[in-house]
Amino acid sequence: MSIIHAKDINEKTPWQGLTPGGEIYEGGTSKLTLTGQWRVNRPTWNSALCRQCLLCAPFCPDSSIPVKEGKRLDFDLDHCKGCGICAKVCPFKAIRMEQEVHQ
């Protein structure tokens, strides 16, 4: 059985070329899928209110809150789906949700 790579699957892929059940036998495919356009609400981060407690980062189901050298950075909006969990867990109200405006 040959390995099917997520980057090679599209609407023109014949069914004969897919694995049973359409399974993809490779890891890290979420990095290839930009899901930010699915959002209805967008998180905004107020760095002045943020105390860098980092409670938001582990609660994010999409890993959309990058942390570098022990400090959180602004959102990775390419992968954020706008669930609002980060805003709910922030004790300092440094994150709020706003309606997304798609261009």
C-alpha atoms as a PDB file:
ATOM      1  CA  MET A   1       0.000   0.000   0.000  1.00  0.00           C
ATOM      2  CA  SER A   2       1.467   3.357  -0.981  1.00  0.00           C
ATOM      3  CA  ILE A   3       1.443   6.333   1.350  1.00  0.00           C
ATOM      4  CA  ILE A   4      -1.105   9.014   0.511  1.00  0.00           C
ATOM      5  CA  HIS A   5       0.142  12.496   1.356  1.00  0.00           C
ATOM      6  CA  ALA A   6      -2.446  15.098   2.388  1.00  0.00           C
ATOM      7  CA  LYS A   7      -0.910  17.690   0.066  1.00  0.00           C
ATOM      8  CA  ASP A   8      -1.600  15.373  -2.896  1.00  0.00           C
ATOM      9  CA  ILE A   9      -5.322  14.856  -2.218  1.00  0.00           C
ATOM     10  CA  ASN A  10      -7.823  17.127  -3.908  1.00  0.00           C
ATOM     11  CA  GLU A  11     -11.201  16.999  -5.639  1.00  0.00           C
ATOM     12  CA  LYS A  12      -9.630  15.360  -8.711  1.00  0.00           C
ATOM     13  CA  THR A  13      -8.066  12.437  -6.836  1.00  0.00           C
ATOM     14  CA  PRO A  14      -9.684   9.215  -8.125  1.00  0.00           C
ATOM     15  CA  TRP A  15     -11.141   6.903  -5.505  1.00  0.00           C
ATOM     16  CA  GLN A  16      -8.802   4.135  -6.644  1.00  0.00           C
ATOM     17  CA  GLY A  17      -5.845   6.243  -5.486  1.00  0.00           C
ATOM     18  CA  LEU A  18      -7.115   6.638  -1.923  1.00  0.00           C
ATOM     19  CA  THR A  19      -6.548   4.377   1.051  1.00  0.00           C
ATOM     20  CA  PRO A  20      -9.474   2.459   2.589  1.00  0.00           C
ATOM     21  CA  GLY A  21     -11.696   4.894   4.446  1.00  0.00           C
ATOM     22  CA  GLY A  22      -9.736   7.833   2.992  1.00  0.00           C
ATOM     23  CA  GLU A  23      -7.202   7.507   5.813  1.00  0.00           C
ATOM     24  CA  ILE A  24      -4.043   9.581   5.614  1.00  0.00           C
ATOM     25  CA  TYR A  25      -0.958   7.818   6.917  1.00  0.00           C
ATOM     26  CA  GLU A  26       1.187  10.771   7.888  1.00  0.00           C
ATOM     27  CA  GLY A  27       1.434  13.090  10.840  1.00  0.00           C
ATOM     28  CA  GLY A  28       1.248  16.856  11.094  1.00  0.00           C
ATOM     29  CA  THR A  29      -1.413  17.385   8.468  1.00  0.00           C
ATOM     30  CA  SER A  30      -3.069  20.182  10.462  1.00  0.00           C
ATOM     31  CA  LYS A  31      -0.132  22.424   9.527  1.00  0.00           C
ATOM     32  CA  LEU A  32      -1.101  21.994   5.888  1.00  0.00           C
ATOM     33  CA  THR A  33      -4.722  23.031   6.471  1.00  0.00           C
ATOM     34  CA  LEU A  34      -5.379  26.713   7.036  1.00  0.00           C
ATOM     35  CA  THR A  35      -8.599  26.751   9.028  1.00  0.00           C
ATOM     36  CA  GLY A  36      -8.709  30.427  10.016  1.00  0.00           C
ATOM     37  CA  GLN A  37     -11.220  31.239   7.292  1.00  0.00           C
ATOM     38  CA  TRP A  38     -13.786  29.101   9.124  1.00  0.00           C
ATOM     39  CA  ARG A  39     -13.984  31.655  11.940  1.00  0.00           C
ATOM     40  CA  VAL A  40     -17.087  33.631  12.822  1.00  0.00           C
ATOM     41  CA  ASN A  41     -15.461  35.315  15.835  1.00  0.00           C
ATOM     42  CA  ARG A  42     -11.855  36.479  16.060  1.00  0.00           C
ATOM     43  CA  PRO A  43      -9.777  36.773  19.224  1.00  0.00           C
ATOM     44  CA  THR A  44      -7.996  40.052  19.859  1.00  0.00           C
ATOM     45  CA  TRP A  45      -5.151  40.243  22.353  1.00  0.00           C
ATOM     46  CA  ASN A  46      -4.422  43.328  24.462  1.00  0.00           C
ATOM     47  CA  SER A  47      -0.747  42.939  25.371  1.00  0.00           C
ATOM     48  CA  ALA A  48      -1.007  45.808  27.896  1.00  0.00           C
ATOM     49  CA  LEU A  49      -3.525  43.808  29.973  1.00  0.00           C
ATOM     50  CA  CYS A  50      -1.704  40.486  29.542  1.00  0.00           C
ATOM     51  CA  ARG A  51       0.367  39.288  32.531  1.00  0.00           C
ATOM     52  CA  GLN A  52       1.962  36.424  30.570  1.00  0.00           C
ATOM     53  CA  CYS A  53       0.420  33.785  32.843  1.00  0.00           C
ATOM     54  CA  LEU A  54       0.161  31.554  29.733  1.00  0.00           C
ATOM     55  CA  LEU A  55      -3.150  29.984  30.812  1.00  0.00           C
ATOM     56  CA  CYS A  56      -4.546  30.579  27.338  1.00  0.00           C
ATOM     57  CA  ALA A  57      -1.931  28.609  25.384  1.00  0.00           C
ATOM     58  CA  PRO A  58      -2.556  25.077  26.706  1.00  0.00           C
ATOM     59  CA  PHE A  59      -6.331  25.517  26.498  1.00  0.00           C
ATOM     60  CA  CYS A  60      -6.262  26.455  22.793  1.00  0.00           C
ATOM     61  CA  PRO A  61      -7.431  23.362  20.873  1.00  0.00           C
ATOM     62  CA  ASP A  62      -5.793  24.643  17.680  1.00  0.00           C
ATOM     63  CA  SER A  63      -2.362  25.571  19.108  1.00  0.00           C
ATOM     64  CA  SER A  64      -2.966  29.077  17.764  1.00  0.00           C
ATOM     65  CA  ILE A  65      -1.235  30.887  20.630  1.00  0.00           C
ATOM     66  CA  PRO A  66       2.507  30.735  19.998  1.00  0.00           C
ATOM     67  CA  VAL A  67       4.847  30.892  22.985  1.00  0.00           C
ATOM     68  CA  LYS A  68       8.491  31.828  22.547  1.00  0.00           C
ATOM     69  CA  GLU A  69      11.035  32.125  25.336  1.00  0.00           C
ATOM     70  CA  GLY A  70       8.303  31.875  27.980  1.00  0.00           C
ATOM     71  CA  LYS A  71       6.119  34.637  26.547  1.00  0.00           C
ATOM     72  CA  ARG A  72       3.004  34.375  24.443  1.00  0.00           C
ATOM     73  CA  LEU A  73       2.928  36.071  21.073  1.00  0.00           C
ATOM     74  CA  ASP A  74      -0.020  37.284  19.022  1.00  0.00           C
ATOM     75  CA  PHE A  75      -2.457  34.728  17.610  1.00  0.00           C
ATOM     76  CA  ASP A  76      -1.750  32.436  14.680  1.00  0.00           C
ATOM     77  CA  LEU A  77      -4.941  33.402  12.850  1.00  0.00           C
ATOM     78  CA  ASP A  78      -4.232  30.990   9.998  1.00  0.00           C
ATOM     79  CA  HIS A  79      -5.255  28.144  12.316  1.00  0.00           C
ATOM     80  CA  CYS A  80      -7.540  29.799  14.912  1.00  0.00           C
ATOM     81  CA  LYS A  81     -11.180  28.774  14.488  1.00  0.00           C
ATOM     82  CA  GLY A  82     -12.488  31.411  16.922  1.00  0.00           C
ATOM     83  CA  CYS A  83     -13.874  29.118  19.611  1.00  0.00           C
ATOM     84  CA  GLY A  84     -13.281  31.697  22.377  1.00  0.00           C
ATOM     85  CA  ILE A  85     -11.840  29.305  24.961  1.00  0.00           C
ATOM     86  CA  CYS A  86      -8.771  31.549  25.320  1.00  0.00           C
ATOM     87  CA  ALA A  87     -10.970  34.527  26.220  1.00  0.00           C
ATOM     88  CA  LYS A  88     -12.910  32.452  28.767  1.00  0.00           C
ATOM     89  CA  VAL A  89      -9.782  31.266  30.602  1.00  0.00           C
ATOM     90  CA  CYS A  90      -7.924  34.612  30.625  1.00  0.00           C
ATOM     91  CA  PRO A  91      -8.159  35.958  34.190  1.00  0.00           C
ATOM     92  CA  PHE A  92      -6.970  39.430  33.123  1.00  0.00           C
ATOM     93  CA  LYS A  93      -9.484  40.041  30.292  1.00  0.00           C
ATOM     94  CA  ALA A  94      -6.564  40.494  27.884  1.00  0.00           C
ATOM     95  CA  ILE A  95      -8.385  38.517  25.181  1.00  0.00           C
ATOM     96  CA  ARG A  96     -11.771  39.382  23.794  1.00  0.00           C
ATOM     97  CA  MET A  97     -13.758  38.006  20.914  1.00  0.00           C
ATOM     98  CA  GLU A  98     -14.964  40.180  18.058  1.00  0.00           C
ATOM     99  CA  GLN A  99     -17.069  39.361  15.031  1.00  0.00           C
ATOM    100  CA  GLU A 100     -14.884  38.291  12.116  1.00  0.00           C
ATOM    101  CA  VAL A 101     -15.018  40.392   8.976  1.00  0.00           C
ATOM    102  CA  HIS A 102     -14.000  38.352   5.922  1.00  0.00           C
ATOM    103  CA  GLN A 103     -12.792  40.313   2.938  1.00  0.00           C
END
